[in-house]
């Protein structure tokens, strides 16, 4: 999401955890499907599918907080679908009113997996409503020039007015075909019960919205959406103003969404199957290798060969254990959105030292010197076992992207204050090849190609960022020497201090 959107939402985010979760996780819910008719707003579908534009970025700033609060409330209430009206900005910056019908999709545990929505441009409709409120005469002038079907029916559901030109062009009817006739005669028999219920509700609420099929003069049925409003004529008689438009394209899009959802479900099941298969089989392979090492130790307890290579045997067992732990953590991380991760208090200094030792053992063939400038007092933060892998990955990155014979890494910790909060700051300062300015943010994005010549068992910097975000921590990279990126990098992490 853009900086602008976060700023506009700050007040609501501070008072509602639900909105904070929804809005700050939008980057984890990218746009995966958009119809080509998005071009009516000046955008191309690739603008959204590439992640270049987040949908929240095009919502009018005066509507943004209201939309966010409503969506968060709908998510908390457990409803499956809802409708909103708000303004979006075209690519040229012009506001357009839209009607957004959204479906909230959840998994078997009730966790939100994605949203599906159909957006309809109702700018002309909104403008028409405003004009209709001015006077009945203005209403007649506008209705004759609108692109929607506009009718007035009385309490007996008989037509008293219809904008003839549009009805003739879209449905084939003229005024003589409609005026005085019962409006229900045009409704598909299967939809009449629903329409009548909406009319009953309309009498209680003053407004109503219904989808249904309407028969054209040639006998064909088209899907339409009708918005009804009650008004009173000059004689005080109750009338119903109906504005109807063809939504055949929306119905076709909805069918495509259903097909897309089915493909999504099948793909998710396949992904889960392959994940379980991979973690199970790889874990078995590691276990077999570890068992072989242990059997060798039992078979040759006093072997000279074993004694001469005891250190290598120990390191082999250590790396196998690390690999098994990584598989376990990858499985936990893959279930991140399926269950809430449990955090507990951990000693940051202890985690740093343990991770450093593991990395040095993993790269014994490299001349690595890891030095420390740590605070004397312990620093307690909220985290879990994935923190070990995050720290190791940062160190691995510093080592593997270093062309010097002697690799130097300084790990420095301190405390800083921002506003009313205290943070534990940790810096990983290396003498590696460095990171150009244009890549400093990209390296934390999923799919970024870092041109690695060697690979490790790390989770990748994009996943490191996501892990740290679960701790409410932030990570970024700076130059070791400002303005001279080629002289090394400094990865900085801020952890909120536990009070």
Protein backbone atom coordinates (compact mmCIF):
# COMPACT_ATOMS: atom_id res chain seq x y z
CA UNK A 1 0.00 0.00 0.00
CA UNK A 2 1.09 3.56 -0.63
CA UNK A 3 2.40 5.86 2.09
CA UNK A 4 -0.56 8.16 1.41
CA UNK A 5 -3.07 5.45 2.24
CA UNK A 6 -1.36 4.52 5.48
CA UNK A 7 -1.31 8.16 6.55
CA UNK A 8 -5.00 8.65 5.85
CA UNK A 9 -5.85 5.55 7.86
CA UNK A 10 -3.66 6.23 10.86
CA UNK A 11 -6.46 7.50 13.08
CA UNK A 12 -8.70 4.50 12.43
CA UNK A 13 -5.81 2.02 12.54
CA UNK A 14 -4.87 3.26 16.01
CA UNK A 15 -8.35 2.67 17.40
CA UNK A 16 -9.23 -0.59 15.61
CA UNK A 17 -6.98 -3.72 15.60
CA UNK A 18 -9.26 -5.25 12.99
CA UNK A 19 -8.62 -2.43 10.53
CA UNK A 20 -4.91 -2.50 11.33
CA UNK A 21 -4.77 -6.21 10.47
CA UNK A 22 -6.84 -5.79 7.32
CA UNK A 23 -5.05 -2.75 5.91
CA UNK A 24 -1.48 -3.65 6.80
CA UNK A 25 -1.88 -7.10 5.27
CA UNK A 26 -3.22 -5.97 1.93
CA UNK A 27 0.21 -6.55 0.40
CA UNK A 28 -0.27 -10.22 1.32
CA UNK A 29 -3.55 -10.26 -0.58
CA UNK A 30 -2.48 -9.15 -4.07
CA UNK A 31 -4.97 -8.73 -6.93
CA UNK A 32 -5.05 -12.10 -8.72
CA UNK A 33 -7.87 -11.51 -11.24
CA UNK A 34 -9.42 -8.47 -12.86
CA UNK A 35 -11.63 -8.24 -15.96
CA UNK A 36 -10.49 -6.31 -19.02
CA UNK A 37 -13.28 -3.74 -18.69
CA UNK A 38 -11.21 -2.07 -15.96
CA UNK A 39 -10.07 0.02 -18.92
CA UNK A 40 -13.23 2.12 -18.51
CA UNK A 41 -11.42 3.74 -15.57
CA UNK A 42 -8.23 4.22 -17.57
CA UNK A 43 -6.33 1.33 -16.01
CA UNK A 44 -4.97 -1.85 -17.54
CA UNK A 45 -5.43 -5.19 -15.77
CA UNK A 46 -1.62 -5.56 -15.67
CA UNK A 47 -1.42 -2.47 -13.42
CA UNK A 48 -3.05 -4.49 -10.66
CA UNK A 49 -1.80 -8.01 -11.46
CA UNK A 50 1.83 -6.80 -11.41
CA UNK A 51 1.36 -5.22 -7.99
CA UNK A 52 2.15 -1.77 -9.44
CA UNK A 53 -1.17 -0.47 -8.10
CA UNK A 54 -2.94 -1.61 -4.95
CA UNK A 55 -6.71 -1.30 -5.18
CA UNK A 56 -6.81 0.80 -2.00
CA UNK A 57 -4.62 3.36 -3.76
CA UNK A 58 -7.42 4.32 -6.17
CA UNK A 59 -10.16 4.84 -3.55
CA UNK A 60 -11.05 8.51 -3.10
CA UNK A 61 -9.33 9.88 -0.01
CA UNK A 62 -12.61 11.16 1.42
CA UNK A 63 -14.10 7.64 1.27
CA UNK A 64 -11.00 5.63 2.20
CA UNK A 65 -11.40 5.56 5.99
CA UNK A 66 -15.13 4.79 5.77
CA UNK A 67 -14.51 1.92 3.35
CA UNK A 68 -11.74 0.53 5.56
CA UNK A 69 -13.86 0.68 8.69
CA UNK A 70 -16.84 -0.95 6.99
CA UNK A 71 -14.72 -3.76 5.48
CA UNK A 72 -13.08 -4.46 8.84
CA UNK A 73 -16.49 -4.58 10.56
CA UNK A 74 -17.81 -6.94 7.89
CA UNK A 75 -14.75 -9.18 8.33
CA UNK A 76 -15.24 -9.28 12.10
CA UNK A 77 -18.98 -9.94 11.86
CA UNK A 78 -18.50 -13.11 9.83
CA UNK A 79 -20.79 -12.13 6.93
CA UNK A 80 -20.15 -13.72 3.56
CA UNK A 81 -20.92 -10.76 1.32
CA UNK A 82 -21.64 -7.05 1.41
CA UNK A 83 -22.24 -4.03 -0.84
CA UNK A 84 -20.57 -0.64 -0.64
CA UNK A 85 -20.83 2.60 -2.60
CA UNK A 86 -17.81 4.86 -2.82
CA UNK A 87 -15.71 6.85 -5.26
CA UNK A 88 -12.62 5.63 -7.06
CA UNK A 89 -10.17 7.71 -9.04
CA UNK A 90 -9.60 7.06 -12.72
CA UNK A 91 -6.04 6.96 -13.98
CA UNK A 92 -6.45 10.64 -14.89
CA UNK A 93 -7.50 11.41 -11.30
CA UNK A 94 -11.22 11.92 -11.92
CA UNK A 95 -13.65 10.54 -9.29
CA UNK A 96 -16.29 7.98 -10.32
CA UNK A 97 -18.99 6.51 -8.08
CA UNK A 98 -19.03 2.70 -8.00
CA UNK A 99 -21.23 -0.02 -6.55
CA UNK A 100 -18.98 -2.75 -5.11
CA UNK A 101 -20.43 -6.14 -4.25
CA UNK A 102 -17.78 -8.17 -2.41
CA UNK A 103 -17.66 -11.79 -1.30
CA UNK A 104 -15.41 -12.72 1.66
CA UNK A 105 -13.84 -16.14 1.15
CA UNK A 106 -12.70 -18.09 4.20
CA UNK A 107 -11.07 -21.47 4.72
CA UNK A 108 -12.49 -24.29 6.87
CA UNK A 109 -11.14 -22.58 9.99
CA UNK A 110 -12.90 -19.31 9.21
CA UNK A 111 -9.64 -17.55 8.26
CA UNK A 112 -10.00 -15.05 5.38
CA UNK A 113 -8.11 -16.29 2.30
CA UNK A 114 -9.17 -13.78 -0.34
CA UNK A 115 -11.84 -11.33 -1.51
CA UNK A 116 -13.88 -11.44 -4.71
CA UNK A 117 -15.73 -8.38 -5.92
CA UNK A 118 -17.73 -7.01 -8.81
CA UNK A 119 -17.56 -3.26 -9.30
CA UNK A 120 -20.16 -1.31 -11.26
CA UNK A 121 -19.78 2.30 -12.39
CA UNK A 122 -22.84 4.12 -11.02
CA UNK A 123 -21.66 7.70 -11.49
CA UNK A 124 -24.47 8.50 -13.90
CA UNK A 125 -26.88 6.74 -11.58
CA UNK A 126 -25.75 8.80 -8.56
CA UNK A 127 -25.91 11.99 -10.55
CA UNK A 128 -29.38 11.07 -11.70
CA UNK A 129 -30.56 10.43 -8.13
CA UNK A 130 -29.34 13.85 -7.08
CA UNK A 131 -31.10 15.53 -9.94
CA UNK A 132 -34.31 13.61 -9.32
CA UNK A 133 -34.50 15.06 -5.84
CA UNK A 134 -34.69 18.57 -7.25
CA UNK A 135 -37.98 18.25 -9.05
CA UNK A 136 -40.17 15.85 -10.94
CA UNK A 137 -39.76 17.90 -14.10
CA UNK A 138 -35.98 17.67 -13.94
CA UNK A 139 -36.40 13.95 -13.35
CA UNK A 140 -38.34 13.54 -16.60
CA UNK A 141 -35.79 15.52 -18.60
CA UNK A 142 -32.87 13.48 -17.30
CA UNK A 143 -34.57 10.10 -17.52
CA UNK A 144 -35.26 10.53 -21.20
CA UNK A 145 -31.53 11.01 -21.79
CA UNK A 146 -30.19 8.34 -19.44
CA UNK A 147 -28.69 5.02 -20.48
CA UNK A 148 -30.63 3.07 -17.81
CA UNK A 149 -34.21 1.85 -17.88
CA UNK A 150 -36.21 4.27 -15.74
CA UNK A 151 -39.79 3.54 -14.77
CA UNK A 152 -42.39 4.64 -12.25
CA UNK A 153 -44.91 2.10 -10.95
CA UNK A 154 -47.82 2.62 -8.61
CA UNK A 155 -48.83 0.57 -5.58
CA UNK A 156 -50.60 -1.93 -7.86
CA UNK A 157 -47.28 -2.48 -9.68
CA UNK A 158 -48.55 -0.92 -12.90
CA UNK A 159 -46.33 1.23 -15.08
CA UNK A 160 -47.09 4.96 -15.06
CA UNK A 161 -43.90 6.14 -16.73
CA UNK A 162 -41.04 4.68 -18.78
CA UNK A 163 -38.23 6.42 -20.68
CA UNK A 164 -39.39 5.16 -24.04
CA UNK A 165 -36.26 5.63 -26.16
CA UNK A 166 -34.06 3.52 -23.89
CA UNK A 167 -36.74 0.85 -23.38
CA UNK A 168 -37.21 0.62 -27.11
CA UNK A 169 -33.50 0.39 -27.81
CA UNK A 170 -32.61 -2.11 -25.05
CA UNK A 171 -35.83 -4.09 -24.57
CA UNK A 172 -37.87 -3.49 -27.71
CA UNK A 173 -40.84 -1.92 -25.89
CA UNK A 174 -42.60 1.38 -26.56
CA UNK A 175 -44.84 3.24 -24.11
CA UNK A 176 -48.00 1.54 -25.32
CA UNK A 177 -46.45 -1.83 -24.45
CA UNK A 178 -45.84 -0.75 -20.85
CA UNK A 179 -48.03 2.08 -19.54
CA UNK A 180 -50.89 0.65 -17.46
CA UNK A 181 -49.49 -2.88 -17.64
CA UNK A 182 -48.43 -4.92 -14.60
CA UNK A 183 -44.66 -4.73 -14.11
CA UNK A 184 -44.53 -8.33 -12.87
CA UNK A 185 -45.40 -9.55 -16.38
CA UNK A 186 -41.80 -8.79 -17.43
CA UNK A 187 -40.17 -10.66 -14.54
CA UNK A 188 -38.97 -14.22 -15.03
CA UNK A 189 -41.30 -16.58 -13.14
CA UNK A 190 -38.42 -17.94 -11.07
CA UNK A 191 -37.51 -14.41 -9.90
CA UNK A 192 -40.97 -13.03 -9.11
CA UNK A 193 -40.98 -14.22 -5.49
CA UNK A 194 -37.65 -12.49 -4.83
CA UNK A 195 -38.81 -9.29 -6.49
CA UNK A 196 -42.02 -9.20 -4.43
CA UNK A 197 -40.04 -9.63 -1.22
CA UNK A 198 -37.83 -6.69 -2.16
CA UNK A 199 -40.94 -4.56 -2.78
CA UNK A 200 -42.25 -5.47 0.68
CA UNK A 201 -38.91 -4.50 2.20
CA UNK A 202 -38.91 -1.33 0.14
CA UNK A 203 -42.06 -0.18 1.94
CA UNK A 204 -40.22 -0.47 5.27
CA UNK A 205 -36.83 0.95 4.34
CA UNK A 206 -37.61 3.35 1.50
CA UNK A 207 -34.95 1.81 -0.75
CA UNK A 208 -34.25 -1.60 -2.24
CA UNK A 209 -31.97 -3.43 -4.66
CA UNK A 210 -32.73 -6.64 -6.54
CA UNK A 211 -31.27 -8.76 -9.31
CA UNK A 212 -33.54 -10.62 -11.69
CA UNK A 213 -34.28 -11.55 -15.28
CA UNK A 214 -36.51 -9.31 -17.40
CA UNK A 215 -38.15 -10.39 -20.65
CA UNK A 216 -37.42 -8.46 -23.81
CA UNK A 217 -40.13 -8.02 -26.40
CA UNK A 218 -38.53 -10.78 -28.51
CA UNK A 219 -39.00 -13.22 -25.62
CA UNK A 220 -35.37 -13.35 -24.54
CA UNK A 221 -34.50 -12.74 -20.88
CA UNK A 222 -31.64 -10.52 -19.73
CA UNK A 223 -30.15 -10.24 -16.25
CA UNK A 224 -30.75 -6.84 -14.69
CA UNK A 225 -30.24 -5.01 -11.42
CA UNK A 226 -32.98 -2.68 -10.26
CA UNK A 227 -32.72 -0.02 -7.58
CA UNK A 228 -36.03 1.09 -6.16
CA UNK A 229 -36.86 4.28 -4.25
CA UNK A 230 -40.18 5.43 -2.78
CA UNK A 231 -41.44 8.92 -3.53
CA UNK A 232 -44.76 10.73 -3.37
CA UNK A 233 -46.33 12.59 -6.26
CA UNK A 234 -48.04 15.99 -6.06
CA UNK A 235 -51.23 14.32 -4.85
CA UNK A 236 -49.44 12.51 -2.03
CA UNK A 237 -49.73 9.13 -3.72
CA UNK A 238 -46.92 6.66 -3.03
CA UNK A 239 -44.95 5.67 -6.13
CA UNK A 240 -41.89 3.56 -6.84
CA UNK A 241 -39.05 4.94 -8.89
CA UNK A 242 -37.16 2.05 -10.51
CA UNK A 243 -33.79 2.41 -12.21
CA UNK A 244 -32.75 -0.74 -14.04
CA UNK A 245 -29.61 -1.66 -15.91
CA UNK A 246 -28.36 -4.69 -17.82
CA UNK A 247 -25.87 -6.72 -15.72
CA UNK A 248 -25.39 -9.62 -18.10
CA UNK A 249 -21.66 -8.86 -18.14
CA UNK A 250 -21.59 -8.94 -14.33
CA UNK A 251 -23.30 -12.36 -14.30
CA UNK A 252 -20.77 -13.67 -16.80
CA UNK A 253 -17.94 -12.25 -14.66
CA UNK A 254 -19.46 -13.86 -11.58
CA UNK A 255 -19.47 -17.22 -13.34
CA UNK A 256 -15.82 -16.71 -14.25
CA UNK A 257 -15.12 -15.90 -10.60
CA UNK A 258 -16.79 -19.14 -9.53
CA UNK A 259 -14.68 -21.05 -12.00
CA UNK A 260 -11.61 -19.18 -10.79
CA UNK A 261 -12.48 -20.00 -7.19
CA UNK A 262 -12.75 -23.69 -8.05
CA UNK A 263 -9.35 -23.56 -9.75
CA UNK A 264 -7.98 -21.73 -6.69
CA UNK A 265 -9.35 -24.44 -4.39
CA UNK A 266 -7.85 -27.24 -6.49
CA UNK A 267 -4.48 -25.44 -6.71
CA UNK A 268 -4.51 -24.89 -2.94
CA UNK A 269 -5.19 -28.59 -2.33
CA UNK A 270 -2.37 -29.56 -4.71
CA UNK A 271 0.01 -27.12 -3.03
CA UNK A 272 -0.87 -28.53 0.40
CA UNK A 273 -0.35 -32.08 -0.86
CA UNK A 274 3.07 -31.32 -2.37
CA UNK A 275 4.10 -29.38 0.74
CA UNK A 276 3.19 -32.31 3.00
CA UNK A 277 4.87 -34.78 0.65
CA UNK A 278 8.06 -32.70 0.43
CA UNK A 279 8.41 -32.04 4.16
CA UNK A 280 7.63 -35.65 5.04
CA UNK A 281 10.03 -37.25 2.54
CA UNK A 282 12.90 -34.78 3.06
CA UNK A 283 12.59 -35.18 6.81
CA UNK A 284 12.77 -38.96 6.37
CA UNK A 285 15.93 -38.60 4.25
CA UNK A 286 17.60 -36.46 6.94
CA UNK A 287 16.53 -38.95 9.61
CA UNK A 288 18.03 -41.87 7.67
CA UNK A 289 21.35 -40.04 7.28
CA UNK A 290 21.39 -39.19 10.98
CA UNK A 291 20.61 -42.81 11.88
CA UNK A 292 23.48 -43.94 9.66
CA UNK A 293 25.91 -41.65 11.50
CA UNK A 294 24.71 -42.91 14.86
CA UNK A 295 24.92 -46.56 13.74
CA UNK A 296 28.49 -45.98 12.57
CA UNK A 297 29.40 -44.58 15.98
CA UNK A 298 27.89 -47.64 17.67
CA UNK A 299 29.52 -50.09 15.22
CA UNK A 300 33.01 -48.61 15.52
CA UNK A 301 33.14 -47.05 19.00
CA UNK A 302 36.94 -46.99 19.14
CA UNK A 303 37.81 -46.79 15.46
CA UNK A 304 40.87 -44.70 14.66
CA UNK A 305 39.12 -43.41 11.55
CA UNK A 306 36.17 -42.31 13.64
CA UNK A 307 38.38 -40.67 16.24
CA UNK A 308 40.42 -38.84 13.63
CA UNK A 309 37.25 -37.41 12.06
CA UNK A 310 35.19 -36.93 15.19
CA UNK A 311 34.84 -33.20 14.55
CA UNK A 312 33.54 -33.83 11.03
CA UNK A 313 31.09 -36.45 12.31
CA UNK A 314 29.82 -34.02 14.91
CA UNK A 315 29.42 -31.27 12.30
CA UNK A 316 27.62 -33.67 9.93
CA UNK A 317 25.16 -34.58 12.69
CA UNK A 318 24.77 -30.88 13.56
CA UNK A 319 23.96 -29.89 9.96
CA UNK A 320 21.49 -32.75 9.56
CA UNK A 321 19.74 -31.63 12.73
CA UNK A 322 19.65 -28.05 11.42
CA UNK A 323 18.16 -29.29 8.15
CA UNK A 324 15.46 -31.20 10.04
CA UNK A 325 14.70 -28.12 12.12
CA UNK A 326 14.48 -26.02 8.97
CA UNK A 327 11.96 -28.43 7.46
CA UNK A 328 9.94 -28.19 10.68
CA UNK A 329 10.04 -24.38 10.58
CA UNK A 330 9.14 -24.22 6.89
CA UNK A 331 6.09 -26.33 7.64
CA UNK A 332 5.16 -24.04 10.51
CA UNK A 333 5.65 -20.99 8.33
CA UNK A 334 3.51 -22.47 5.55
CA UNK A 335 0.67 -22.70 8.08
CA UNK A 336 1.16 -19.05 9.03
CA UNK A 337 -2.21 -17.95 7.66
CA UNK A 338 -4.00 -21.04 8.94
CA UNK A 339 -3.33 -20.49 12.64
CA UNK A 340 -2.00 -17.70 14.79
CA UNK A 341 1.70 -18.04 15.56
CA UNK A 342 2.50 -18.18 19.27
CA UNK A 343 5.17 -15.74 20.44
CA UNK A 344 7.04 -15.85 23.74
CA UNK A 345 9.76 -13.86 25.48
CA UNK A 346 13.27 -14.63 24.19
CA UNK A 347 16.75 -13.24 24.91
CA UNK A 348 17.85 -11.40 21.77
CA UNK A 349 21.55 -11.52 22.70
CA UNK A 350 21.43 -15.27 23.18
CA UNK A 351 19.69 -15.72 19.83
CA UNK A 352 22.34 -13.62 18.08
CA UNK A 353 25.25 -15.63 19.52
CA UNK A 354 23.67 -19.02 18.81
CA UNK A 355 22.86 -18.05 15.23
CA UNK A 356 26.40 -16.75 14.68
CA UNK A 357 27.95 -20.02 15.86
CA UNK A 358 25.65 -22.06 13.63
CA UNK A 359 26.60 -19.97 10.60
CA UNK A 360 30.34 -20.28 11.26
CA UNK A 361 30.01 -24.06 11.55
CA UNK A 362 28.03 -24.17 8.31
CA UNK A 363 30.78 -22.35 6.36
CA UNK A 364 33.96 -23.76 7.87
CA UNK A 365 35.76 -23.43 4.53
CA UNK A 366 35.52 -19.61 4.65
CA UNK A 367 37.59 -17.29 6.78
CA UNK A 368 34.77 -15.58 8.69
CA UNK A 369 35.33 -13.28 11.64
CA UNK A 370 32.15 -12.32 13.48
CA UNK A 371 32.73 -9.72 16.19
CA UNK A 372 30.28 -8.21 18.63
CA UNK A 373 29.46 -4.84 20.14
CA UNK A 374 26.56 -5.92 22.32
CA UNK A 375 24.75 -4.25 25.17
CA UNK A 376 25.74 -5.62 28.57
CA UNK A 377 22.15 -6.06 29.73
CA UNK A 378 19.86 -8.69 28.29
CA UNK A 379 17.32 -7.56 25.73
CA UNK A 380 14.01 -9.42 25.89
CA UNK A 381 11.69 -9.43 22.86
CA UNK A 382 8.64 -11.39 21.70
CA UNK A 383 9.54 -13.98 19.04
CA UNK A 384 9.62 -17.72 18.31
CA UNK A 385 12.00 -20.31 16.84
CA UNK A 386 11.81 -18.75 13.37
CA UNK A 387 13.95 -15.87 14.66
CA UNK A 388 17.00 -18.20 14.57
CA UNK A 389 16.50 -18.78 10.84
CA UNK A 390 15.92 -15.08 10.17
CA UNK A 391 19.21 -14.07 11.86
CA UNK A 392 21.12 -16.94 10.22
CA UNK A 393 19.79 -15.92 6.81
CA UNK A 394 21.02 -12.35 7.22
CA UNK A 395 24.48 -13.61 8.24
CA UNK A 396 24.55 -16.15 5.38
CA UNK A 397 23.64 -13.37 2.98
CA UNK A 398 26.53 -11.24 4.26
CA UNK A 399 29.01 -14.11 3.89
CA UNK A 400 27.90 -15.50 0.52
CA UNK A 401 27.89 -12.02 -1.05
CA UNK A 402 31.43 -11.22 0.02
CA UNK A 403 34.43 -11.54 -2.33
CA UNK A 404 37.09 -10.73 0.28
CA UNK A 405 39.51 -13.33 1.53
CA UNK A 406 38.80 -12.22 5.08
CA UNK A 407 35.11 -11.77 5.74
CA UNK A 408 34.32 -9.33 8.52
CA UNK A 409 30.93 -8.99 10.19
CA UNK A 410 30.24 -6.74 13.16
CA UNK A 411 27.01 -7.34 15.10
CA UNK A 412 26.09 -4.27 17.09
CA UNK A 413 23.14 -3.75 19.43
CA UNK A 414 21.73 -0.66 21.09
CA UNK A 415 18.50 0.88 22.33
CA UNK A 416 16.76 3.81 20.65
CA UNK A 417 13.61 5.78 21.40
CA UNK A 418 10.99 6.73 18.83
CA UNK A 419 8.16 8.77 20.22
CA UNK A 420 7.05 7.02 23.40
CA UNK A 421 8.43 3.61 22.38
CA UNK A 422 11.78 1.98 23.13
CA UNK A 423 13.30 -0.31 20.50
CA UNK A 424 16.13 -2.83 20.52
CA UNK A 425 18.29 -2.04 17.51
CA UNK A 426 20.52 -4.69 15.95
CA UNK A 427 22.95 -3.99 13.09
CA UNK A 428 24.77 -6.52 10.89
CA UNK A 429 27.69 -4.59 9.38
CA UNK A 430 29.74 -6.41 6.71
CA UNK A 431 32.56 -5.70 4.28
CA UNK A 432 30.85 -7.43 1.34
CA UNK A 433 29.99 -6.29 -2.18
CA UNK A 434 27.20 -4.03 -0.94
CA UNK A 435 23.75 -3.29 -2.34
CA UNK A 436 23.01 -0.43 -4.80
CA UNK A 437 20.32 2.06 -3.78
CA UNK A 438 17.84 0.86 -6.42
CA UNK A 439 17.96 -2.67 -4.95
CA UNK A 440 17.76 -1.81 -1.24
CA UNK A 441 13.98 -2.24 -1.08
CA UNK A 442 13.71 -4.86 -3.82
CA UNK A 443 15.80 -7.44 -1.95
CA UNK A 444 13.00 -7.84 0.59
CA UNK A 445 10.38 -8.48 -2.08
CA UNK A 446 9.28 -11.93 -3.06
CA UNK A 447 10.86 -13.24 -6.25
CA UNK A 448 13.79 -10.80 -6.32
CA UNK A 449 16.77 -12.32 -8.17
CA UNK A 450 19.90 -11.84 -6.10
CA UNK A 451 22.20 -13.64 -8.61
CA UNK A 452 23.49 -16.05 -6.01
CA UNK A 453 26.40 -18.24 -7.01
CA UNK A 454 26.00 -20.41 -3.94
CA UNK A 455 22.94 -21.43 -2.01
CA UNK A 456 22.22 -22.22 1.59
CA UNK A 457 19.29 -23.39 3.62
CA UNK A 458 18.06 -19.87 4.40
CA UNK A 459 14.46 -18.74 3.99
CA UNK A 460 15.22 -15.76 1.75
CA UNK A 461 15.13 -12.08 2.64
CA UNK A 462 11.48 -11.69 1.63
CA UNK A 463 10.48 -14.33 4.17
CA UNK A 464 12.85 -12.81 6.72
CA UNK A 465 10.89 -9.58 6.37
CA UNK A 466 7.57 -11.39 6.86
CA UNK A 467 8.88 -13.26 9.92
CA UNK A 468 10.06 -10.01 11.49
CA UNK A 469 6.74 -8.34 10.77
CA UNK A 470 5.02 -10.98 12.91
CA UNK A 471 7.16 -9.67 15.79
CA UNK A 472 6.20 -6.05 14.92
CA UNK A 473 9.86 -5.58 13.95
CA UNK A 474 11.17 -3.63 10.97
CA UNK A 475 14.17 -4.36 8.73
CA UNK A 476 16.02 -2.31 6.14
CA UNK A 477 19.51 -2.07 4.66
CA UNK A 478 21.95 0.85 4.58
CA UNK A 479 25.45 1.43 3.25
CA UNK A 480 28.27 0.55 5.62
CA UNK A 481 29.74 3.90 4.60
CA UNK A 482 27.03 6.33 3.46
CA UNK A 483 27.12 6.96 -0.28
CA UNK A 484 29.64 4.15 -0.95
CA UNK A 485 27.52 1.02 -1.22
CA UNK A 486 30.38 -1.07 -2.69
CA UNK A 487 32.21 -0.92 0.66
CA UNK A 488 29.69 -3.12 2.45
CA UNK A 489 26.20 -3.21 3.86
CA UNK A 490 24.49 -2.67 7.19
CA UNK A 491 21.26 -4.62 7.79
CA UNK A 492 19.27 -2.91 10.54
CA UNK A 493 16.42 -4.43 12.59
CA UNK A 494 14.24 -2.69 15.21
CA UNK A 495 12.49 -4.88 17.79
CA UNK A 496 9.91 -3.35 20.16
CA UNK A 497 11.16 -3.64 23.74
CA UNK A 498 9.11 -5.84 26.04
CA UNK A 499 7.93 -3.84 29.03
